[in-house]
Amino acid sequence: MVAVQSNNVSAANEALNEIHVEEEDYDRLRESIDLHHNFDQIGLAQKIEKHELLEMRRVAAYIYKKAGKWKHSIVLSKKDKIYKDAIETASQSGDRELLRSCLFTSLNRYRSHS
């Protein structure tokens, strides 16, 4: 099936992504997402955004970021306290107010734990 995925066929991509999710292989899932874009990206992100593994939830935030769903990606990253990811996403969005908000939140979290 991996050989078929090189053709970027939606059904093959979705089947392999499903296998990666079931096996909790977040590294291969992320690689598949990067190399093969022809699949229901938002559907996959919605499916794994509440996964028990942190790294799978990070993949969900990554998918939202790639799809330009900046705020949703940032919300997921903040929820898991991965402020570095949230700040990187806000920076890539080009939205200064979104970045300012992320930096402010991160700074306040840092201060409250110091």
N, C-alpha and C. Protein backbone atom coordinates (compact mmCIF):
# COMPACT_ATOMS: atom_id res chain seq x y z
N MET A 1 0.82 -1.20 0.00
CA MET A 1 0.00 0.00 0.00
C MET A 1 0.86 1.26 0.00
N VAL A 2 2.04 1.17 0.62
CA VAL A 2 2.93 2.33 0.64
C VAL A 2 3.34 2.71 -0.78
N ALA A 3 3.53 1.73 -1.64
CA ALA A 3 3.88 2.01 -3.03
C ALA A 3 2.76 2.78 -3.73
N VAL A 4 1.52 2.43 -3.42
CA VAL A 4 0.36 3.11 -4.01
C VAL A 4 0.29 4.55 -3.52
N GLN A 5 0.69 4.77 -2.27
CA GLN A 5 0.61 6.11 -1.70
C GLN A 5 1.47 7.09 -2.49
N SER A 6 2.52 6.61 -3.12
CA SER A 6 3.38 7.52 -3.89
C SER A 6 2.61 8.19 -5.02
N ASN A 7 1.47 7.61 -5.41
CA ASN A 7 0.61 8.21 -6.44
C ASN A 7 -0.31 9.27 -5.86
N ASN A 8 -0.27 9.46 -4.54
CA ASN A 8 -1.06 10.47 -3.84
C ASN A 8 -2.56 10.29 -4.08
N VAL A 9 -3.01 9.03 -4.01
CA VAL A 9 -4.42 8.69 -4.17
C VAL A 9 -5.10 8.83 -2.81
N SER A 10 -6.18 9.56 -2.77
CA SER A 10 -6.87 9.86 -1.52
C SER A 10 -7.19 8.62 -0.70
N ALA A 11 -7.78 7.60 -1.33
CA ALA A 11 -8.17 6.39 -0.59
C ALA A 11 -6.96 5.70 0.04
N ALA A 12 -5.87 5.65 -0.70
CA ALA A 12 -4.65 5.03 -0.17
C ALA A 12 -4.07 5.86 0.97
N ASN A 13 -4.04 7.17 0.79
CA ASN A 13 -3.51 8.05 1.84
C ASN A 13 -4.33 7.92 3.12
N GLU A 14 -5.65 7.92 2.97
CA GLU A 14 -6.51 7.83 4.15
C GLU A 14 -6.38 6.47 4.83
N ALA A 15 -6.25 5.40 4.05
CA ALA A 15 -6.09 4.07 4.63
C ALA A 15 -4.78 3.98 5.41
N LEU A 16 -3.70 4.47 4.83
CA LEU A 16 -2.41 4.42 5.53
C LEU A 16 -2.41 5.33 6.75
N ASN A 17 -3.00 6.50 6.63
CA ASN A 17 -3.08 7.39 7.79
C ASN A 17 -3.86 6.72 8.92
N GLU A 18 -4.93 6.01 8.56
CA GLU A 18 -5.73 5.30 9.56
C GLU A 18 -4.89 4.22 10.26
N ILE A 19 -4.09 3.52 9.50
CA ILE A 19 -3.20 2.50 10.08
C ILE A 19 -2.21 3.16 11.04
N HIS A 20 -1.64 4.28 10.65
CA HIS A 20 -0.69 4.99 11.51
C HIS A 20 -1.37 5.44 12.81
N VAL A 21 -2.62 5.88 12.70
CA VAL A 21 -3.35 6.30 13.90
C VAL A 21 -3.60 5.10 14.80
N GLU A 22 -4.08 4.01 14.22
CA GLU A 22 -4.36 2.80 15.00
C GLU A 22 -3.11 2.27 15.69
N GLU A 23 -1.98 2.34 15.00
CA GLU A 23 -0.71 1.87 15.57
C GLU A 23 -0.04 2.92 16.44
N GLU A 24 -0.66 4.08 16.53
CA GLU A 24 -0.14 5.22 17.30
C GLU A 24 1.28 5.58 16.86
N ASP A 25 1.50 5.49 15.56
CA ASP A 25 2.79 5.81 14.97
C ASP A 25 2.75 7.25 14.45
N TYR A 26 2.93 8.18 15.38
CA TYR A 26 2.80 9.60 15.05
C TYR A 26 3.91 10.08 14.13
N ASP A 27 5.10 9.47 14.18
CA ASP A 27 6.18 9.88 13.28
C ASP A 27 5.82 9.57 11.83
N ARG A 28 5.35 8.35 11.58
CA ARG A 28 4.98 7.98 10.21
C ARG A 28 3.74 8.74 9.75
N LEU A 29 2.83 9.01 10.68
CA LEU A 29 1.64 9.78 10.32
C LEU A 29 2.05 11.18 9.87
N ARG A 30 2.92 11.80 10.61
CA ARG A 30 3.37 13.15 10.25
C ARG A 30 4.11 13.13 8.91
N GLU A 31 4.94 12.12 8.71
CA GLU A 31 5.65 12.00 7.44
C GLU A 31 4.67 11.83 6.28
N SER A 32 3.65 11.00 6.49
CA SER A 32 2.64 10.79 5.46
C SER A 32 1.92 12.09 5.14
N ILE A 33 1.58 12.85 6.17
CA ILE A 33 0.90 14.13 5.99
C ILE A 33 1.76 15.10 5.20
N ASP A 34 3.05 15.11 5.49
CA ASP A 34 3.97 16.01 4.79
C ASP A 34 4.16 15.64 3.32
N LEU A 35 4.19 14.35 3.04
CA LEU A 35 4.49 13.89 1.69
C LEU A 35 3.27 13.73 0.78
N HIS A 36 2.11 13.48 1.40
CA HIS A 36 0.91 13.16 0.61
C HIS A 36 -0.27 13.96 1.13
N HIS A 37 -0.63 15.00 0.42
CA HIS A 37 -1.63 15.96 0.88
C HIS A 37 -3.06 15.60 0.49
N ASN A 38 -3.24 14.62 -0.36
CA ASN A 38 -4.56 14.29 -0.89
C ASN A 38 -5.32 13.36 0.06
N PHE A 39 -5.95 13.95 1.09
CA PHE A 39 -6.78 13.22 2.05
C PHE A 39 -7.60 14.25 2.81
N ASP A 40 -8.56 13.78 3.57
CA ASP A 40 -9.41 14.68 4.35
C ASP A 40 -8.61 15.16 5.57
N GLN A 41 -7.93 16.27 5.39
CA GLN A 41 -7.04 16.77 6.44
C GLN A 41 -7.79 17.16 7.71
N ILE A 42 -8.83 17.94 7.56
CA ILE A 42 -9.59 18.39 8.72
C ILE A 42 -10.26 17.20 9.41
N GLY A 43 -10.78 16.26 8.65
CA GLY A 43 -11.39 15.06 9.23
C GLY A 43 -10.40 14.29 10.09
N LEU A 44 -9.16 14.15 9.59
CA LEU A 44 -8.13 13.45 10.36
C LEU A 44 -7.78 14.24 11.62
N ALA A 45 -7.62 15.53 11.48
CA ALA A 45 -7.28 16.37 12.64
C ALA A 45 -8.37 16.26 13.70
N GLN A 46 -9.63 16.31 13.28
CA GLN A 46 -10.73 16.20 14.24
C GLN A 46 -10.72 14.85 14.94
N LYS A 47 -10.34 13.83 14.21
CA LYS A 47 -10.33 12.48 14.78
C LYS A 47 -9.26 12.33 15.86
N ILE A 48 -8.11 12.97 15.66
CA ILE A 48 -7.00 12.73 16.61
C ILE A 48 -6.76 13.88 17.59
N GLU A 49 -7.52 14.96 17.50
CA GLU A 49 -7.25 16.10 18.38
C GLU A 49 -7.54 15.79 19.85
N LYS A 50 -8.27 14.73 20.13
CA LYS A 50 -8.55 14.34 21.52
C LYS A 50 -7.92 12.99 21.86
N HIS A 51 -6.96 12.59 21.06
CA HIS A 51 -6.26 11.31 21.26
C HIS A 51 -5.56 11.32 22.61
N GLU A 52 -5.40 10.16 23.21
CA GLU A 52 -4.76 10.10 24.53
C GLU A 52 -3.26 10.42 24.48
N LEU A 53 -2.63 10.19 23.34
CA LEU A 53 -1.19 10.49 23.22
C LEU A 53 -0.98 11.96 22.85
N LEU A 54 -0.14 12.62 23.60
CA LEU A 54 0.19 14.02 23.35
C LEU A 54 0.71 14.21 21.92
N GLU A 55 1.58 13.34 21.47
CA GLU A 55 2.18 13.51 20.13
C GLU A 55 1.13 13.40 19.02
N MET A 56 0.11 12.61 19.23
CA MET A 56 -0.97 12.54 18.23
C MET A 56 -1.75 13.86 18.23
N ARG A 57 -1.97 14.43 19.40
CA ARG A 57 -2.66 15.72 19.47
C ARG A 57 -1.80 16.81 18.82
N ARG A 58 -0.48 16.69 18.96
CA ARG A 58 0.41 17.64 18.30
C ARG A 58 0.29 17.52 16.78
N VAL A 59 0.12 16.29 16.28
CA VAL A 59 -0.07 16.10 14.84
C VAL A 59 -1.38 16.78 14.41
N ALA A 60 -2.41 16.68 15.23
CA ALA A 60 -3.68 17.35 14.91
C ALA A 60 -3.46 18.86 14.80
N ALA A 61 -2.76 19.43 15.77
CA ALA A 61 -2.48 20.87 15.72
C ALA A 61 -1.65 21.22 14.48
N TYR A 62 -0.73 20.35 14.12
CA TYR A 62 0.10 20.54 12.93
C TYR A 62 -0.75 20.54 11.66
N ILE A 63 -1.72 19.62 11.59
CA ILE A 63 -2.60 19.56 10.43
C ILE A 63 -3.41 20.85 10.31
N TYR A 64 -3.95 21.29 11.44
CA TYR A 64 -4.71 22.55 11.41
C TYR A 64 -3.83 23.70 10.96
N LYS A 65 -2.59 23.73 11.43
CA LYS A 65 -1.66 24.80 11.03
C LYS A 65 -1.43 24.74 9.52
N LYS A 66 -1.17 23.55 8.99
CA LYS A 66 -0.94 23.40 7.55
C LYS A 66 -2.15 23.82 6.73
N ALA A 67 -3.34 23.65 7.32
CA ALA A 67 -4.57 23.99 6.61
C ALA A 67 -4.96 25.46 6.80
N GLY A 68 -4.12 26.22 7.51
CA GLY A 68 -4.41 27.63 7.74
C GLY A 68 -5.44 27.89 8.82
N LYS A 69 -5.73 26.88 9.62
CA LYS A 69 -6.67 27.02 10.74
C LYS A 69 -5.85 27.39 11.98
N TRP A 70 -5.26 28.58 11.92
CA TRP A 70 -4.29 29.02 12.92
C TRP A 70 -4.84 28.98 14.34
N LYS A 71 -5.99 29.57 14.55
CA LYS A 71 -6.54 29.68 15.90
C LYS A 71 -6.82 28.30 16.49
N HIS A 72 -7.37 27.41 15.69
CA HIS A 72 -7.66 26.07 16.19
C HIS A 72 -6.36 25.35 16.58
N SER A 73 -5.35 25.49 15.76
CA SER A 73 -4.05 24.89 16.06
C SER A 73 -3.48 25.44 17.37
N ILE A 74 -3.57 26.74 17.53
CA ILE A 74 -3.04 27.40 18.72
C ILE A 74 -3.80 26.97 19.97
N VAL A 75 -5.11 26.88 19.86
CA VAL A 75 -5.92 26.44 21.00
C VAL A 75 -5.48 25.05 21.46
N LEU A 76 -5.28 24.14 20.50
CA LEU A 76 -4.84 22.78 20.86
C LEU A 76 -3.47 22.80 21.52
N SER A 77 -2.55 23.58 20.98
CA SER A 77 -1.20 23.65 21.54
C SER A 77 -1.23 24.23 22.95
N LYS A 78 -2.00 25.28 23.15
CA LYS A 78 -2.09 25.89 24.48
C LYS A 78 -2.73 24.92 25.47
N LYS A 79 -3.75 24.20 25.02
CA LYS A 79 -4.44 23.24 25.89
C LYS A 79 -3.46 22.19 26.42
N ASP A 80 -2.50 21.79 25.58
CA ASP A 80 -1.50 20.80 25.98
C ASP A 80 -0.24 21.46 26.55
N LYS A 81 -0.30 22.77 26.72
CA LYS A 81 0.82 23.53 27.29
C LYS A 81 2.09 23.42 26.45
N ILE A 82 1.90 23.37 25.15
CA ILE A 82 3.04 23.35 24.23
C ILE A 82 3.11 24.74 23.62
N TYR A 83 3.58 25.67 24.43
CA TYR A 83 3.57 27.08 24.06
C TYR A 83 4.52 27.38 22.90
N LYS A 84 5.59 26.62 22.80
CA LYS A 84 6.52 26.81 21.68
C LYS A 84 5.79 26.59 20.35
N ASP A 85 5.00 25.51 20.27
CA ASP A 85 4.23 25.24 19.04
C ASP A 85 3.22 26.35 18.79
N ALA A 86 2.55 26.79 19.85
CA ALA A 86 1.54 27.85 19.71
C ALA A 86 2.17 29.13 19.17
N ILE A 87 3.33 29.49 19.72
CA ILE A 87 4.01 30.72 19.29
C ILE A 87 4.49 30.59 17.84
N GLU A 88 5.04 29.42 17.48
CA GLU A 88 5.49 29.21 16.10
C GLU A 88 4.32 29.32 15.12
N THR A 89 3.19 28.75 15.50
CA THR A 89 2.01 28.81 14.64
C THR A 89 1.53 30.25 14.49
N ALA A 90 1.46 30.95 15.61
CA ALA A 90 1.02 32.35 15.57
C ALA A 90 1.96 33.18 14.71
N SER A 91 3.25 32.93 14.83
CA SER A 91 4.23 33.65 14.03
C SER A 91 4.04 33.38 12.54
N GLN A 92 3.83 32.12 12.19
CA GLN A 92 3.64 31.75 10.79
C GLN A 92 2.34 32.29 10.23
N SER A 93 1.37 32.54 11.08
CA SER A 93 0.07 33.03 10.61
C SER A 93 0.18 34.45 10.04
N GLY A 94 1.16 35.20 10.50
CA GLY A 94 1.29 36.58 10.06
C GLY A 94 0.33 37.53 10.78
N ASP A 95 -0.43 37.01 11.72
CA ASP A 95 -1.40 37.80 12.48
C ASP A 95 -0.71 38.31 13.75
N ARG A 96 -0.39 39.58 13.77
CA ARG A 96 0.36 40.16 14.89
C ARG A 96 -0.40 40.07 16.21
N GLU A 97 -1.70 40.25 16.16
CA GLU A 97 -2.51 40.18 17.38
C GLU A 97 -2.54 38.76 17.94
N LEU A 98 -2.61 37.79 17.06
CA LEU A 98 -2.58 36.38 17.47
C LEU A 98 -1.23 36.05 18.13
N LEU A 99 -0.16 36.54 17.53
CA LEU A 99 1.16 36.33 18.11
C LEU A 99 1.30 37.03 19.45
N ARG A 100 0.84 38.26 19.52
CA ARG A 100 0.90 39.01 20.78
C ARG A 100 0.15 38.27 21.89
N SER A 101 -1.01 37.74 21.56
CA SER A 101 -1.82 37.00 22.53
C SER A 101 -1.09 35.74 23.01
N CYS A 102 -0.46 35.03 22.09
CA CYS A 102 0.30 33.81 22.46
C CYS A 102 1.48 34.15 23.35
N LEU A 103 2.20 35.18 22.99
CA LEU A 103 3.35 35.58 23.80
C LEU A 103 2.91 36.02 25.19
N PHE A 104 1.84 36.76 25.27
CA PHE A 104 1.30 37.23 26.55
C PHE A 104 0.88 36.03 27.41
N THR A 105 0.17 35.08 26.83
CA THR A 105 -0.26 33.88 27.56
C THR A 105 0.95 33.09 28.07
N SER A 106 1.93 32.91 27.20
CA SER A 106 3.13 32.15 27.58
C SER A 106 3.89 32.85 28.69
N LEU A 107 4.02 34.15 28.59
CA LEU A 107 4.73 34.92 29.61
C LEU A 107 4.00 34.82 30.95
N ASN A 108 2.69 34.92 30.93
CA ASN A 108 1.92 34.81 32.17
C ASN A 108 2.03 33.42 32.78
N ARG A 109 2.04 32.38 31.97
CA ARG A 109 2.22 31.01 32.48
C ARG A 109 3.60 30.86 33.11
N TYR A 110 4.60 31.42 32.45
CA TYR A 110 5.95 31.34 32.97
C TYR A 110 6.05 32.06 34.32
N ARG A 111 5.49 33.24 34.40
CA ARG A 111 5.53 34.02 35.64
C ARG A 111 4.81 33.31 36.79
N SER A 112 3.68 32.67 36.48
CA SER A 112 2.90 32.04 37.54
C SER A 112 3.56 30.76 38.05
N HIS A 113 4.51 30.20 37.28
CA HIS A 113 5.20 29.00 37.71
C HIS A 113 6.62 29.28 38.23
N SER A 114 6.96 30.54 38.31
CA SER A 114 8.31 30.91 38.78
C SER A 114 8.31 31.19 40.26
